[in-house]
Amino acid sequence: MHHFQYRENELYAEEVPVRRIARKVGTPFYLYSAATLRRHYRVFDQAFKTLPHLVCYAVKANSNLAVLRLLAREGAGADIVSGGELFRALKAGIPAEKIVFSGVGKTAREIRLALKAGILMFNVESLEELKSIARIARKMKKKAPIAIRVNPDVNPKTHPYISTGLKENKFGLDVETAFKAYQLAKEDPYLEIVGIDCHIGSQLTQLSPFVEALRRIKAFLKRLATVGISVRYLDLGGGLGIVYGEEEPPPPEKYAQALIEELNGLSVTLILEPGRVLVGNAGILVTKVLYYKETPAKKFLIVDAGMNDLLRPAFYQAYHEIIPVLKKERPSIVADVVGPICETGDFLARERELPLVKPGELLAVMSAGAYGFVMASNYNSRPRPAEVMVNGEEFYVVRRRETYAKLVAGEKIPPFLG
């Protein structure tokens, strides 16, 4: 459920007409609903109320400080994959003891920052990383809390670019190497084994891959017990999908029920890393139609948002519903919705049946709250869009639109070029 609804044929975000926001901030812009974010978090968190658990929001899905602060106030922790995300999470008020640090390429500086902050644990993804964390912890005279990310080799049945738990993926360690890593960690006085981690992919719409992964992790825990290794935290990652078009992902309640049944008898605190399922349908991208173009082969709606603003359609061939901000009687067309970027792959939709909107009218690209702005770029020297959050009858610009001056703020012409 989300709070973007038509009222008398005009699209509202909670209690605010989207057109009013567009007049104030211009287009394109991302628009988030605070009420939707709160509802999604509470539904997800409550689904696991019978278990000791911690919801660590996957910051990579949407890292705006306002989004992070809202979730922090709801009680969320954070799953981070960079020093920048650590900085954001702490700045937004997420306690360090609720932060887990994932990712295959943690630098020495990032490890030092996380140790200094006192995070809950590192999700370790290679033997070399384990050695690096131990070496840095020794120099800092700190004990580093670690979990090993075990790759369960489970097919998540999702897009190959967002599959993370197969043996050919770069993430985690195979079972045998993970077992060796735990034994090494047990012998190191500067490493503290606190958990086990796995993550099999994103936008999963079936429960069976989650259950299969958990069963394999349970078997691995039994093997660890034979050498005297136990854990306090079982991090199952994220990956629960949302509805973009015709998908039918399980609701959080069914997801929780399936995991709770499998976890019966295990004395661990469950860590979950939802991202898309919390923020995906809590945001839209609002764009203005610039031109209608018709060729002998195709029809095009040319809009002012491009692949630099929302990369998912070009990168993943992802589907996003696109609707007019003003709904009225008009003929339908089958057209490509394209942006101004100088790439043939710059599209938001292809061969889509849409109402024939006129230049100057607004379109809303739905389900854009996850992997939207965070993947935006300045390609073609385009300033990144504004971000806005609605809370009831009020709206707030939570990131100003970039200016041309900001585009070149970090650049310098050397003296020899005069």
Protein backbone atom coordinates (compact mmCIF):
# COMPACT_ATOMS: atom_id res chain seq x y z
CA MET A 1 0.00 0.00 0.00
CA HIS A 2 1.17 3.55 -0.69
CA HIS A 3 -0.18 7.08 -0.29
CA PHE A 4 -0.11 8.22 -3.93
CA GLN A 5 -3.75 8.34 -4.99
CA TYR A 6 -6.04 10.17 -7.39
CA ARG A 7 -8.55 12.59 -5.93
CA GLU A 8 -11.05 13.98 -8.40
CA ASN A 9 -8.69 12.86 -11.18
CA GLU A 10 -5.63 14.61 -9.75
CA LEU A 11 -2.67 12.71 -8.27
CA TYR A 12 -1.98 13.44 -4.61
CA ALA A 13 0.90 12.48 -2.36
CA GLU A 14 -0.81 12.04 1.01
CA GLU A 15 -2.70 15.38 1.36
CA VAL A 16 -0.71 17.38 -1.20
CA PRO A 17 -1.43 17.69 -4.95
CA VAL A 18 1.65 16.63 -6.91
CA ARG A 19 1.11 19.58 -9.27
CA ARG A 20 1.58 22.01 -6.39
CA ILE A 21 4.97 20.52 -5.59
CA ALA A 22 6.00 20.62 -9.25
CA ARG A 23 5.15 24.31 -9.46
CA LYS A 24 7.34 24.97 -6.42
CA VAL A 25 10.41 22.85 -7.15
CA GLY A 26 10.34 22.25 -10.93
CA THR A 27 10.87 18.94 -12.67
CA PRO A 28 12.13 16.28 -12.59
CA PHE A 29 12.02 15.46 -8.89
CA TYR A 30 11.74 12.46 -6.61
CA LEU A 31 8.82 12.50 -4.21
CA TYR A 32 8.64 10.38 -1.05
CA SER A 33 5.69 9.73 1.26
CA ALA A 34 6.55 9.73 4.98
CA ALA A 35 3.31 7.93 5.82
CA THR A 36 4.14 5.12 3.39
CA LEU A 37 7.64 4.74 4.79
CA ARG A 38 6.31 4.50 8.33
CA ARG A 39 3.62 2.01 7.36
CA HIS A 40 6.01 -0.22 5.42
CA TYR A 41 8.53 -0.30 8.26
CA ARG A 42 5.93 -1.05 10.92
CA VAL A 43 4.30 -3.85 8.91
CA PHE A 44 7.69 -5.45 8.24
CA ASP A 45 8.94 -5.10 11.81
CA GLN A 46 5.68 -6.35 13.37
CA ALA A 47 5.76 -9.45 11.19
CA PHE A 48 8.76 -10.66 13.24
CA LYS A 49 7.51 -9.56 16.66
CA THR A 50 7.61 -13.09 18.09
CA LEU A 51 11.37 -13.36 17.48
CA PRO A 52 14.36 -11.43 18.83
CA HIS A 53 15.25 -9.42 15.74
CA LEU A 54 16.82 -6.25 14.37
CA VAL A 55 15.73 -4.58 11.15
CA CYS A 56 18.82 -3.08 9.50
CA TYR A 57 17.59 -1.00 6.58
CA ALA A 58 19.68 -1.43 3.42
CA VAL A 59 20.96 2.12 2.97
CA LYS A 60 21.95 1.48 -0.65
CA ALA A 61 18.27 1.43 -1.65
CA ASN A 62 17.72 5.10 -0.75
CA SER A 63 20.28 6.98 1.32
CA ASN A 64 18.61 10.39 1.69
CA LEU A 65 19.15 11.68 5.22
CA ALA A 66 15.44 12.39 5.71
CA VAL A 67 14.56 8.79 4.81
CA LEU A 68 17.26 7.49 7.16
CA ARG A 69 16.16 9.76 10.01
CA LEU A 70 12.52 8.69 9.63
CA LEU A 71 13.49 5.01 9.76
CA ALA A 72 15.88 5.62 12.67
CA ARG A 73 13.00 7.15 14.64
CA GLU A 74 11.00 3.99 13.93
CA GLY A 75 13.79 1.92 15.48
CA ALA A 76 15.67 0.74 12.39
CA GLY A 77 19.35 -0.07 12.21
CA ALA A 78 21.35 0.08 9.00
CA ASP A 79 23.02 -2.28 6.56
CA ILE A 80 25.84 -0.30 4.94
CA VAL A 81 28.34 -1.03 2.16
CA SER A 82 30.66 1.98 2.29
CA GLY A 83 32.22 4.58 4.53
CA GLY A 84 29.90 7.14 3.00
CA GLU A 85 26.87 5.11 4.03
CA LEU A 86 28.33 4.78 7.53
CA PHE A 87 28.67 8.57 7.68
CA ARG A 88 25.09 9.04 6.49
CA ALA A 89 23.65 6.49 8.90
CA LEU A 90 25.40 8.02 11.92
CA LYS A 91 24.49 11.55 10.84
CA ALA A 92 20.84 10.52 10.55
CA GLY A 93 20.88 9.24 14.13
CA ILE A 94 21.13 5.47 13.62
CA PRO A 95 23.11 4.07 16.59
CA ALA A 96 26.43 2.47 15.65
CA GLU A 97 25.47 -0.64 17.61
CA LYS A 98 22.64 -1.19 15.11
CA ILE A 99 24.88 -0.99 12.01
CA VAL A 100 26.20 -3.96 10.04
CA PHE A 101 28.89 -3.40 7.39
CA SER A 102 28.54 -5.55 4.26
CA GLY A 103 30.30 -5.37 0.88
CA VAL A 104 33.24 -7.07 -0.81
CA GLY A 105 35.59 -4.09 -1.03
CA LYS A 106 35.94 -2.48 2.40
CA THR A 107 39.02 -0.25 2.48
CA ALA A 108 41.39 0.08 5.42
CA ARG A 109 40.07 3.58 6.08
CA GLU A 110 36.47 2.35 6.09
CA ILE A 111 37.33 -0.49 8.46
CA ARG A 112 39.05 1.94 10.84
CA LEU A 113 36.07 4.30 10.78
CA ALA A 114 33.65 1.47 11.51
CA LEU A 115 35.78 0.11 14.36
CA LYS A 116 36.10 3.57 15.86
CA ALA A 117 32.33 4.09 15.63
CA GLY A 118 31.65 0.75 17.35
CA ILE A 119 29.38 -0.94 14.78
CA LEU A 120 27.50 -4.14 15.54
CA MET A 121 29.50 -6.31 13.14
CA PHE A 122 31.38 -6.64 9.87
CA ASN A 123 29.92 -9.09 7.35
CA VAL A 124 33.20 -10.49 6.03
CA GLU A 125 33.32 -11.57 2.37
CA SER A 126 36.85 -12.92 1.82
CA LEU A 127 39.82 -14.38 3.68
CA GLU A 128 41.92 -11.37 2.74
CA GLU A 129 39.30 -9.05 4.20
CA LEU A 130 39.26 -11.10 7.41
CA LYS A 131 43.05 -10.74 7.71
CA SER A 132 42.82 -7.02 6.99
CA ILE A 133 40.20 -6.46 9.70
CA ALA A 134 42.30 -8.45 12.20
CA ARG A 135 45.45 -6.46 11.33
CA ILE A 136 43.69 -3.10 11.69
CA ALA A 137 41.97 -4.15 14.93
CA ARG A 138 45.34 -5.18 16.35
CA LYS A 139 46.85 -1.77 15.54
CA MET A 140 43.84 -0.01 17.07
CA LYS A 141 43.90 -2.35 20.09
CA LYS A 142 40.22 -3.10 19.51
CA LYS A 143 38.34 -6.36 19.11
CA ALA A 144 36.48 -6.47 15.79
CA PRO A 145 33.01 -8.12 15.80
CA ILE A 146 32.63 -10.26 12.68
CA ALA A 147 30.22 -12.50 10.82
CA ILE A 148 31.22 -14.47 7.74
CA ARG A 149 29.01 -14.06 4.69
CA VAL A 150 28.32 -17.61 3.56
CA ASN A 151 27.32 -18.10 -0.05
CA PRO A 152 24.61 -20.80 0.03
CA ASP A 153 24.58 -21.25 -3.77
CA VAL A 154 20.80 -20.83 -3.99
CA ASN A 155 19.15 -19.62 -7.20
CA PRO A 156 17.07 -16.57 -6.20
CA LYS A 157 15.11 -16.59 -9.49
CA THR A 158 15.61 -12.88 -10.05
CA HIS A 159 17.46 -10.66 -12.54
CA PRO A 160 21.07 -11.91 -12.92
CA TYR A 161 22.49 -8.46 -12.12
CA ILE A 162 20.89 -8.55 -8.65
CA SER A 163 21.54 -12.20 -7.86
CA THR A 164 24.13 -12.42 -5.08
CA GLY A 165 24.02 -15.95 -3.65
CA LEU A 166 25.21 -18.15 -6.51
CA LYS A 167 28.69 -19.67 -6.54
CA GLU A 168 29.69 -17.57 -9.56
CA ASN A 169 28.75 -14.30 -7.82
CA LYS A 170 31.44 -12.08 -6.27
CA PHE A 171 29.74 -12.02 -2.89
CA GLY A 172 30.46 -14.12 0.18
CA LEU A 173 32.43 -17.32 0.66
CA ASP A 174 31.63 -20.87 -0.37
CA VAL A 175 30.85 -23.22 2.50
CA GLU A 176 34.32 -24.80 2.76
CA THR A 177 36.18 -21.49 2.65
CA ALA A 178 33.71 -19.98 5.12
CA PHE A 179 34.38 -22.85 7.54
CA LYS A 180 38.10 -22.16 7.26
CA ALA A 181 37.47 -18.44 7.85
CA TYR A 182 35.58 -19.14 11.05
CA GLN A 183 38.40 -21.35 12.32
CA LEU A 184 40.95 -18.62 11.58
CA ALA A 185 38.78 -16.02 13.31
CA LYS A 186 38.44 -18.25 16.39
CA GLU A 187 42.20 -18.27 16.82
CA ASP A 188 42.70 -14.51 16.45
CA PRO A 189 42.53 -12.53 19.71
CA TYR A 190 41.44 -9.37 17.88
CA LEU A 191 38.45 -10.94 16.15
CA GLU A 192 35.18 -11.74 17.90
CA ILE A 193 32.80 -14.12 16.14
CA VAL A 194 29.32 -12.77 16.74
CA GLY A 195 27.28 -13.85 13.72
CA ILE A 196 26.73 -15.50 10.38
CA ASP A 197 25.46 -13.76 7.26
CA CYS A 198 23.95 -14.59 3.89
CA HIS A 199 22.18 -12.64 1.15
CA ILE A 200 20.95 -14.30 -2.02
CA GLY A 201 19.63 -11.46 -4.15
CA SER A 202 17.17 -8.64 -4.64
CA GLN A 203 13.56 -8.34 -5.84
CA LEU A 204 12.70 -11.94 -4.93
CA THR A 205 9.06 -12.83 -5.45
CA GLN A 206 9.06 -16.39 -4.10
CA LEU A 207 9.63 -17.72 -0.59
CA SER A 208 11.35 -20.97 -1.53
CA PRO A 209 14.83 -19.45 -2.15
CA PHE A 210 14.80 -17.78 1.28
CA VAL A 211 13.79 -21.03 2.98
CA GLU A 212 16.38 -23.08 1.09
CA ALA A 213 19.13 -20.61 1.97
CA LEU A 214 18.15 -20.67 5.65
CA ARG A 215 18.18 -24.46 5.72
CA ARG A 216 21.70 -24.49 4.33
CA ILE A 217 22.81 -21.93 6.89
CA LYS A 218 21.30 -24.02 9.69
CA ALA A 219 23.25 -27.06 8.51
CA PHE A 220 26.41 -24.96 8.46
CA LEU A 221 25.78 -23.75 12.02
CA LYS A 222 25.58 -27.36 13.18
CA ARG A 223 28.96 -27.97 11.57
CA LEU A 224 30.43 -24.92 13.31
CA ALA A 225 29.15 -26.22 16.64
CA THR A 226 31.28 -29.35 16.24
CA VAL A 227 34.42 -27.18 16.50
CA GLY A 228 33.11 -25.06 19.35
CA ILE A 229 31.92 -22.06 17.36
CA SER A 230 28.55 -20.47 18.05
CA VAL A 231 26.93 -17.19 16.97
CA ARG A 232 24.53 -14.66 18.49
CA TYR A 233 23.27 -13.12 15.26
CA LEU A 234 21.90 -14.73 12.12
CA ASP A 235 21.80 -12.15 9.32
CA LEU A 236 19.54 -13.31 6.49
CA GLY A 237 19.97 -10.17 4.41
CA GLY A 238 17.14 -8.66 2.42
CA GLY A 239 15.75 -9.17 -1.04
CA LEU A 240 11.97 -9.35 -0.61
CA GLY A 241 10.40 -7.99 -3.79
CA ILE A 242 7.70 -5.42 -4.43
CA VAL A 243 5.02 -4.89 -7.05
CA TYR A 244 6.24 -2.89 -10.04
CA GLY A 245 3.78 -4.30 -12.54
CA GLU A 246 2.35 -7.82 -12.43
CA GLU A 247 4.65 -9.35 -9.81
CA GLU A 248 3.03 -11.08 -6.85
CA PRO A 249 5.62 -11.10 -4.07
CA PRO A 250 4.62 -12.55 -0.71
CA PRO A 251 3.62 -10.01 1.94
CA PRO A 252 5.97 -9.54 4.91
CA GLU A 253 3.66 -11.62 7.12
CA LYS A 254 4.06 -14.74 4.95
CA TYR A 255 7.78 -14.10 4.57
CA ALA A 256 8.12 -13.87 8.34
CA GLN A 257 5.99 -16.96 8.94
CA ALA A 258 8.17 -19.06 6.64
CA LEU A 259 11.38 -17.93 8.34
CA ILE A 260 10.02 -18.24 11.87
CA GLU A 261 9.03 -21.86 11.24
CA GLU A 262 12.55 -22.67 10.03
CA LEU A 263 14.20 -20.83 12.94
CA ASN A 264 12.33 -22.80 15.60
CA GLY A 265 14.83 -24.01 18.20
CA LEU A 266 17.69 -21.66 17.24
CA SER A 267 18.85 -19.27 19.98
CA VAL A 268 19.87 -16.34 17.81
CA THR A 269 18.83 -12.77 17.16
CA LEU A 270 17.63 -12.49 13.58
CA ILE A 271 18.99 -9.59 11.52
CA LEU A 272 17.05 -8.56 8.43
CA GLU A 273 18.21 -6.11 5.77
CA PRO A 274 15.11 -4.87 3.90
CA GLY A 275 15.61 -2.08 1.39
CA ARG A 276 13.35 -2.03 -1.64
CA VAL A 277 10.38 -3.49 0.28
CA LEU A 278 10.44 -0.46 2.62
CA VAL A 279 11.16 2.39 0.22
CA GLY A 280 10.37 1.19 -3.32
CA ASN A 281 6.67 2.04 -3.41
CA ALA A 282 7.13 4.99 -1.04
CA GLY A 283 8.55 7.14 -3.84
CA ILE A 284 7.78 8.35 -7.35
CA LEU A 285 9.66 10.31 -9.99
CA VAL A 286 7.75 13.26 -11.41
CA THR A 287 8.68 14.39 -14.90
CA LYS A 288 7.33 16.84 -17.47
CA VAL A 289 6.47 16.01 -21.07
CA LEU A 290 8.60 18.13 -23.40
CA TYR A 291 7.55 16.90 -26.83
CA TYR A 292 5.44 14.36 -28.66
CA LYS A 293 7.25 12.88 -31.65
CA GLU A 294 5.90 10.52 -34.28
CA THR A 295 7.99 8.76 -36.93
CA PRO A 296 6.92 6.19 -39.54
CA ALA A 297 8.14 3.49 -37.15
CA LYS A 298 7.32 4.75 -33.65
CA LYS A 299 5.71 7.25 -31.34
CA PHE A 300 7.68 8.95 -28.59
CA LEU A 301 6.85 10.94 -25.49
CA ILE A 302 10.00 12.93 -24.74
CA VAL A 303 10.25 13.92 -21.07
CA ASP A 304 12.71 15.91 -18.97
CA ALA A 305 13.83 12.91 -16.87
CA GLY A 306 16.37 10.55 -18.36
CA MET A 307 18.44 7.49 -17.62
CA ASN A 308 20.78 9.66 -15.57
CA ASP A 309 17.84 10.30 -13.20
CA LEU A 310 16.36 6.78 -13.17
CA LEU A 311 18.73 4.11 -14.45
CA ARG A 312 16.70 0.98 -13.73
CA PRO A 313 14.77 0.75 -17.04
CA ALA A 314 17.93 1.09 -19.14
CA PHE A 315 20.14 -1.01 -16.86
CA TYR A 316 17.79 -3.83 -15.88
CA GLN A 317 15.05 -3.40 -18.51
CA ALA A 318 12.94 -2.79 -15.41
CA TYR A 319 9.24 -1.98 -15.58
CA HIS A 320 7.84 1.10 -13.83
CA GLU A 321 4.20 2.05 -14.16
CA ILE A 322 3.81 5.55 -15.64
CA ILE A 323 0.64 7.54 -15.05
CA PRO A 324 -0.50 11.10 -15.80
CA VAL A 325 -0.67 13.45 -12.84
CA LEU A 326 -3.98 14.70 -14.25
CA LYS A 327 -6.34 11.91 -15.29
CA LYS A 328 -8.89 12.78 -17.97
CA GLU A 329 -10.50 11.43 -21.11
CA ARG A 330 -8.04 11.30 -24.00
CA PRO A 331 -6.96 8.87 -26.70
CA SER A 332 -4.43 6.15 -25.98
CA ILE A 333 -1.18 5.62 -27.86
CA VAL A 334 1.57 3.02 -27.79
CA ALA A 335 4.82 4.91 -27.38
CA ASP A 336 8.30 4.91 -25.94
CA VAL A 337 8.81 7.29 -23.02
CA VAL A 338 12.32 8.65 -23.52
CA GLY A 339 14.57 11.25 -21.97
CA PRO A 340 17.02 13.84 -23.29
CA ILE A 341 20.21 11.77 -22.87
CA CYS A 342 22.26 11.08 -26.01
CA GLU A 343 21.90 7.31 -25.79
CA THR A 344 19.46 4.99 -27.53
CA GLY A 345 19.15 3.21 -24.19
CA ASP A 346 17.75 6.35 -22.59
CA PHE A 347 14.17 5.29 -21.93
CA LEU A 348 11.74 5.00 -19.04
CA ALA A 349 9.33 2.74 -20.93
CA ARG A 350 9.16 1.04 -24.30
CA GLU A 351 6.11 0.15 -26.37
CA ARG A 352 3.88 1.28 -23.51
CA GLU A 353 0.16 1.98 -23.89
CA LEU A 354 -0.38 5.43 -22.42
CA PRO A 355 -2.83 8.31 -22.66
CA LEU A 356 -1.75 10.93 -25.18
CA VAL A 357 -0.52 13.64 -22.83
CA LYS A 358 0.45 17.05 -24.18
CA PRO A 359 3.76 18.90 -23.82
CA GLY A 360 3.85 20.62 -20.45
CA GLU A 361 1.82 17.93 -18.67
CA LEU A 362 3.25 15.88 -15.82
CA LEU A 363 3.82 12.13 -15.59
CA ALA A 364 4.52 10.12 -12.45
CA VAL A 365 6.92 7.20 -12.68
CA MET A 366 5.75 4.89 -9.90
CA SER A 367 7.72 2.63 -7.53
CA ALA A 368 10.81 4.81 -7.82
CA GLY A 369 11.71 5.10 -4.13
CA ALA A 370 14.40 2.40 -4.29
CA TYR A 371 17.49 2.47 -6.51
CA GLY A 372 16.31 5.75 -8.01
CA PHE A 373 18.19 8.83 -6.90
CA VAL A 374 21.00 6.72 -5.40
CA MET A 375 21.90 5.52 -8.92
CA ALA A 376 21.50 8.95 -10.54
CA SER A 377 24.47 10.53 -12.32
CA ASN A 378 25.57 13.72 -14.01
CA TYR A 379 25.89 12.13 -17.45
CA ASN A 380 25.56 14.73 -20.21
CA SER A 381 26.36 17.28 -17.46
CA ARG A 382 22.81 17.13 -16.18
CA PRO A 383 22.26 18.27 -12.59
CA ARG A 384 20.75 15.58 -10.42
CA PRO A 385 17.08 16.11 -9.52
CA ALA A 386 15.56 17.44 -6.32
CA GLU A 387 14.18 15.12 -3.64
CA VAL A 388 11.00 16.02 -1.76
CA MET A 389 9.24 14.40 1.20
CA VAL A 390 5.54 14.79 1.97
CA ASN A 391 4.27 14.48 5.52
CA GLY A 392 0.51 14.89 5.69
CA GLU A 393 -0.41 18.34 4.38
CA GLU A 394 3.18 19.61 4.21
CA PHE A 395 6.07 18.95 1.87
CA TYR A 396 9.77 19.55 2.31
CA VAL A 397 12.68 19.71 -0.14
CA VAL A 398 15.05 17.16 1.41
CA ARG A 399 17.68 17.61 -1.30
CA ARG A 400 17.96 20.71 -3.45
CA ARG A 401 18.32 20.30 -7.19
CA GLU A 402 21.95 20.52 -8.23
CA THR A 403 23.05 23.70 -9.96
CA TYR A 404 25.41 24.07 -12.89
CA ALA A 405 27.92 25.63 -10.49
CA LYS A 406 27.81 22.48 -8.33
CA LEU A 407 28.53 20.36 -11.40
CA VAL A 408 32.02 21.88 -11.70
CA ALA A 409 32.64 22.77 -8.04
CA GLY A 410 35.33 20.12 -7.62
CA GLU A 411 37.10 20.77 -10.91
CA LYS A 412 40.07 23.05 -11.59
CA ILE A 413 41.77 24.22 -14.76
CA PRO A 414 45.55 23.87 -14.24
CA PRO A 415 47.80 26.93 -14.65
CA PHE A 416 49.40 25.69 -17.87
CA LEU A 417 46.02 25.98 -19.59
CA GLY A 418 45.75 29.60 -18.51
